[in-house]
Amino acid sequence: MTDQPAKVASLNFETALAELEKIVDQLEKGQAPLEDSIKLYARGEELKKHCDALLKSAEARIEKITLGADGKAKGVEPLDVG
């Protein structure tokens, strides 16, 4: 881990997820010394939290189309994901 990693908060979802997947792969294969594994795990936790927050934000913005009695779209309302 000689490269200075990008700030997690500045990463978009796709970049953060790709980095998280790479970290998981490295940890599963045991490719890093213990000290680096601890740093990778901590970075992975940050990335996971960031990805979760981005997904929750996206879910909050999703709206579903409501249909009128005639079957035509009459408007939108927030998506109930809970």
N, C-alpha and C. Protein backbone atom coordinates (compact mmCIF):
# COMPACT_ATOMS: atom_id res chain seq x y z
N MET A 1 0.84 -1.18 0.00
CA MET A 1 0.00 0.00 0.00
C MET A 1 0.88 1.25 0.00
N THR A 2 1.59 1.43 -1.04
CA THR A 2 2.47 2.58 -1.12
C THR A 2 1.77 3.78 -1.74
N ASP A 3 0.75 3.56 -2.54
CA ASP A 3 0.00 4.66 -3.15
C ASP A 3 -0.84 5.35 -2.10
N GLN A 4 -0.97 6.66 -2.26
CA GLN A 4 -1.85 7.42 -1.37
C GLN A 4 -3.28 7.25 -1.90
N PRO A 5 -4.17 6.60 -1.17
CA PRO A 5 -5.52 6.36 -1.67
C PRO A 5 -6.33 7.66 -1.73
N ALA A 6 -7.26 7.69 -2.68
CA ALA A 6 -8.15 8.84 -2.82
C ALA A 6 -9.06 8.93 -1.61
N LYS A 7 -9.49 10.13 -1.29
CA LYS A 7 -10.45 10.32 -0.20
C LYS A 7 -11.74 9.59 -0.57
N VAL A 8 -12.21 8.78 0.34
CA VAL A 8 -13.40 7.97 0.08
C VAL A 8 -14.59 8.84 -0.31
N ALA A 9 -14.78 9.95 0.37
CA ALA A 9 -15.94 10.81 0.12
C ALA A 9 -15.95 11.39 -1.29
N SER A 10 -14.79 11.43 -1.94
CA SER A 10 -14.73 12.00 -3.29
C SER A 10 -15.01 10.97 -4.38
N LEU A 11 -15.13 9.71 -4.02
CA LEU A 11 -15.32 8.64 -5.00
C LEU A 11 -16.78 8.48 -5.39
N ASN A 12 -17.02 8.20 -6.68
CA ASN A 12 -18.38 7.87 -7.08
C ASN A 12 -18.63 6.40 -6.72
N PHE A 13 -19.86 5.97 -6.84
CA PHE A 13 -20.24 4.62 -6.41
C PHE A 13 -19.43 3.55 -7.13
N GLU A 14 -19.34 3.66 -8.45
CA GLU A 14 -18.69 2.62 -9.24
C GLU A 14 -17.21 2.48 -8.87
N THR A 15 -16.53 3.61 -8.69
CA THR A 15 -15.11 3.58 -8.33
C THR A 15 -14.91 3.00 -6.94
N ALA A 16 -15.75 3.42 -6.00
CA ALA A 16 -15.65 2.92 -4.63
C ALA A 16 -15.92 1.42 -4.58
N LEU A 17 -16.92 0.97 -5.31
CA LEU A 17 -17.26 -0.45 -5.33
C LEU A 17 -16.14 -1.28 -5.95
N ALA A 18 -15.55 -0.78 -7.03
CA ALA A 18 -14.45 -1.50 -7.68
C ALA A 18 -13.26 -1.63 -6.72
N GLU A 19 -12.95 -0.55 -6.01
CA GLU A 19 -11.85 -0.61 -5.06
C GLU A 19 -12.17 -1.57 -3.92
N LEU A 20 -13.40 -1.55 -3.45
CA LEU A 20 -13.82 -2.45 -2.38
C LEU A 20 -13.69 -3.91 -2.82
N GLU A 21 -14.11 -4.20 -4.05
CA GLU A 21 -14.00 -5.56 -4.56
C GLU A 21 -12.53 -6.01 -4.66
N LYS A 22 -11.65 -5.09 -5.04
CA LYS A 22 -10.22 -5.40 -5.12
C LYS A 22 -9.66 -5.71 -3.73
N ILE A 23 -10.07 -4.92 -2.75
CA ILE A 23 -9.62 -5.14 -1.37
C ILE A 23 -10.10 -6.49 -0.86
N VAL A 24 -11.37 -6.80 -1.08
CA VAL A 24 -11.91 -8.09 -0.65
C VAL A 24 -11.13 -9.24 -1.28
N ASP A 25 -10.83 -9.12 -2.56
CA ASP A 25 -10.06 -10.15 -3.26
C ASP A 25 -8.68 -10.32 -2.64
N GLN A 26 -8.00 -9.20 -2.37
CA GLN A 26 -6.67 -9.27 -1.77
C GLN A 26 -6.73 -9.92 -0.38
N LEU A 27 -7.72 -9.54 0.42
CA LEU A 27 -7.83 -10.09 1.76
C LEU A 27 -8.17 -11.58 1.73
N GLU A 28 -9.05 -11.97 0.81
CA GLU A 28 -9.42 -13.38 0.71
C GLU A 28 -8.25 -14.25 0.28
N LYS A 29 -7.39 -13.69 -0.57
CA LYS A 29 -6.24 -14.46 -1.06
C LYS A 29 -5.04 -14.38 -0.13
N GLY A 30 -5.12 -13.55 0.90
CA GLY A 30 -4.01 -13.41 1.83
C GLY A 30 -2.77 -12.85 1.16
N GLN A 31 -2.95 -11.91 0.23
CA GLN A 31 -1.84 -11.38 -0.55
C GLN A 31 -1.08 -10.24 0.14
N ALA A 32 -1.49 -9.84 1.31
CA ALA A 32 -0.86 -8.70 1.97
C ALA A 32 -0.34 -9.11 3.35
N PRO A 33 0.77 -8.51 3.77
CA PRO A 33 1.25 -8.74 5.14
C PRO A 33 0.20 -8.27 6.15
N LEU A 34 0.30 -8.72 7.37
CA LEU A 34 -0.69 -8.44 8.41
C LEU A 34 -0.97 -6.94 8.55
N GLU A 35 0.07 -6.13 8.67
CA GLU A 35 -0.12 -4.69 8.86
C GLU A 35 -0.87 -4.07 7.68
N ASP A 36 -0.53 -4.48 6.46
CA ASP A 36 -1.24 -3.98 5.28
C ASP A 36 -2.67 -4.50 5.25
N SER A 37 -2.88 -5.73 5.70
CA SER A 37 -4.22 -6.30 5.74
C SER A 37 -5.13 -5.49 6.66
N ILE A 38 -4.58 -5.05 7.77
CA ILE A 38 -5.36 -4.24 8.71
C ILE A 38 -5.74 -2.91 8.06
N LYS A 39 -4.79 -2.29 7.35
CA LYS A 39 -5.07 -1.03 6.65
C LYS A 39 -6.09 -1.25 5.53
N LEU A 40 -5.94 -2.35 4.80
CA LEU A 40 -6.90 -2.66 3.74
C LEU A 40 -8.29 -2.86 4.31
N TYR A 41 -8.38 -3.58 5.42
CA TYR A 41 -9.68 -3.83 6.05
C TYR A 41 -10.34 -2.51 6.46
N ALA A 42 -9.55 -1.62 7.06
CA ALA A 42 -10.09 -0.32 7.48
C ALA A 42 -10.57 0.47 6.27
N ARG A 43 -9.79 0.47 5.20
CA ARG A 43 -10.18 1.17 3.97
C ARG A 43 -11.46 0.54 3.41
N GLY A 44 -11.53 -0.77 3.45
CA GLY A 44 -12.72 -1.47 2.96
C GLY A 44 -13.96 -1.08 3.74
N GLU A 45 -13.82 -0.93 5.04
CA GLU A 45 -14.97 -0.51 5.87
C GLU A 45 -15.44 0.89 5.47
N GLU A 46 -14.48 1.79 5.24
CA GLU A 46 -14.84 3.14 4.81
C GLU A 46 -15.56 3.11 3.46
N LEU A 47 -15.04 2.31 2.55
CA LEU A 47 -15.65 2.20 1.22
C LEU A 47 -17.06 1.62 1.31
N LYS A 48 -17.23 0.61 2.15
CA LYS A 48 -18.55 -0.02 2.30
C LYS A 48 -19.56 0.99 2.83
N LYS A 49 -19.17 1.75 3.84
CA LYS A 49 -20.08 2.76 4.40
C LYS A 49 -20.42 3.82 3.36
N HIS A 50 -19.42 4.22 2.58
CA HIS A 50 -19.64 5.23 1.54
C HIS A 50 -20.61 4.69 0.47
N CYS A 51 -20.40 3.45 0.04
CA CYS A 51 -21.29 2.84 -0.96
C CYS A 51 -22.71 2.73 -0.41
N ASP A 52 -22.85 2.32 0.85
CA ASP A 52 -24.18 2.22 1.47
C ASP A 52 -24.87 3.59 1.48
N ALA A 53 -24.12 4.63 1.84
CA ALA A 53 -24.70 5.98 1.89
C ALA A 53 -25.12 6.44 0.50
N LEU A 54 -24.30 6.16 -0.51
CA LEU A 54 -24.66 6.55 -1.87
C LEU A 54 -25.91 5.82 -2.36
N LEU A 55 -26.02 4.54 -2.01
CA LEU A 55 -27.21 3.77 -2.40
C LEU A 55 -28.47 4.30 -1.71
N LYS A 56 -28.35 4.61 -0.42
CA LYS A 56 -29.52 5.15 0.31
C LYS A 56 -29.94 6.49 -0.29
N SER A 57 -28.98 7.30 -0.67
CA SER A 57 -29.27 8.58 -1.29
C SER A 57 -29.99 8.38 -2.63
N ALA A 58 -29.52 7.43 -3.40
CA ALA A 58 -30.15 7.14 -4.69
C ALA A 58 -31.57 6.63 -4.49
N GLU A 59 -31.76 5.76 -3.51
CA GLU A 59 -33.10 5.23 -3.24
C GLU A 59 -34.06 6.35 -2.85
N ALA A 60 -33.56 7.31 -2.10
CA ALA A 60 -34.41 8.42 -1.66
C ALA A 60 -34.86 9.28 -2.83
N ARG A 61 -34.07 9.29 -3.90
CA ARG A 61 -34.42 10.12 -5.06
C ARG A 61 -35.32 9.39 -6.06
N ILE A 62 -35.41 8.09 -5.93
CA ILE A 62 -36.22 7.32 -6.88
C ILE A 62 -37.70 7.58 -6.61
N GLU A 63 -38.42 7.80 -7.66
CA GLU A 63 -39.86 7.99 -7.54
C GLU A 63 -40.56 6.94 -8.38
N LYS A 64 -41.72 6.56 -7.95
CA LYS A 64 -42.48 5.62 -8.76
C LYS A 64 -43.62 6.38 -9.43
N ILE A 65 -43.95 5.93 -10.60
CA ILE A 65 -45.03 6.54 -11.38
C ILE A 65 -46.35 5.99 -10.87
N THR A 66 -47.29 6.88 -10.61
CA THR A 66 -48.62 6.44 -10.19
C THR A 66 -49.54 6.50 -11.40
N LEU A 67 -50.45 5.55 -11.45
CA LEU A 67 -51.38 5.47 -12.56
C LEU A 67 -52.78 5.86 -12.12
N GLY A 68 -53.47 6.51 -13.01
CA GLY A 68 -54.86 6.86 -12.75
C GLY A 68 -55.77 5.69 -13.08
N ALA A 69 -57.07 5.85 -12.85
CA ALA A 69 -58.05 4.80 -13.11
C ALA A 69 -58.06 4.40 -14.58
N ASP A 70 -57.69 5.33 -15.45
CA ASP A 70 -57.67 5.05 -16.88
C ASP A 70 -56.38 4.35 -17.33
N GLY A 71 -55.47 4.09 -16.39
CA GLY A 71 -54.23 3.39 -16.71
C GLY A 71 -53.12 4.30 -17.21
N LYS A 72 -53.39 5.60 -17.26
CA LYS A 72 -52.38 6.54 -17.72
C LYS A 72 -51.65 7.13 -16.51
N ALA A 73 -50.41 7.52 -16.77
CA ALA A 73 -49.62 8.11 -15.69
C ALA A 73 -50.26 9.40 -15.22
N LYS A 74 -50.40 9.54 -13.89
CA LYS A 74 -51.01 10.75 -13.35
C LYS A 74 -50.03 11.55 -12.49
N GLY A 75 -48.88 10.98 -12.19
CA GLY A 75 -47.90 11.69 -11.38
C GLY A 75 -46.89 10.74 -10.78
N VAL A 76 -46.12 11.25 -9.86
CA VAL A 76 -45.12 10.45 -9.18
C VAL A 76 -45.24 10.62 -7.69
N GLU A 77 -44.73 9.64 -6.97
CA GLU A 77 -44.67 9.72 -5.51
C GLU A 77 -43.39 9.04 -5.07
N PRO A 78 -42.92 9.34 -3.86
CA PRO A 78 -41.68 8.71 -3.40
C PRO A 78 -41.80 7.19 -3.36
N LEU A 79 -40.73 6.52 -3.69
CA LEU A 79 -40.70 5.07 -3.63
C LEU A 79 -40.63 4.63 -2.19
N ASP A 80 -41.49 3.73 -1.78
CA ASP A 80 -41.49 3.21 -0.41
C ASP A 80 -40.56 2.02 -0.36
N VAL A 81 -39.34 2.23 0.16
CA VAL A 81 -38.36 1.15 0.23
C VAL A 81 -38.27 0.56 1.62
N GLY A 82 -39.05 1.04 2.56
CA GLY A 82 -38.96 0.57 3.94
C GLY A 82 -39.93 -0.45 4.20
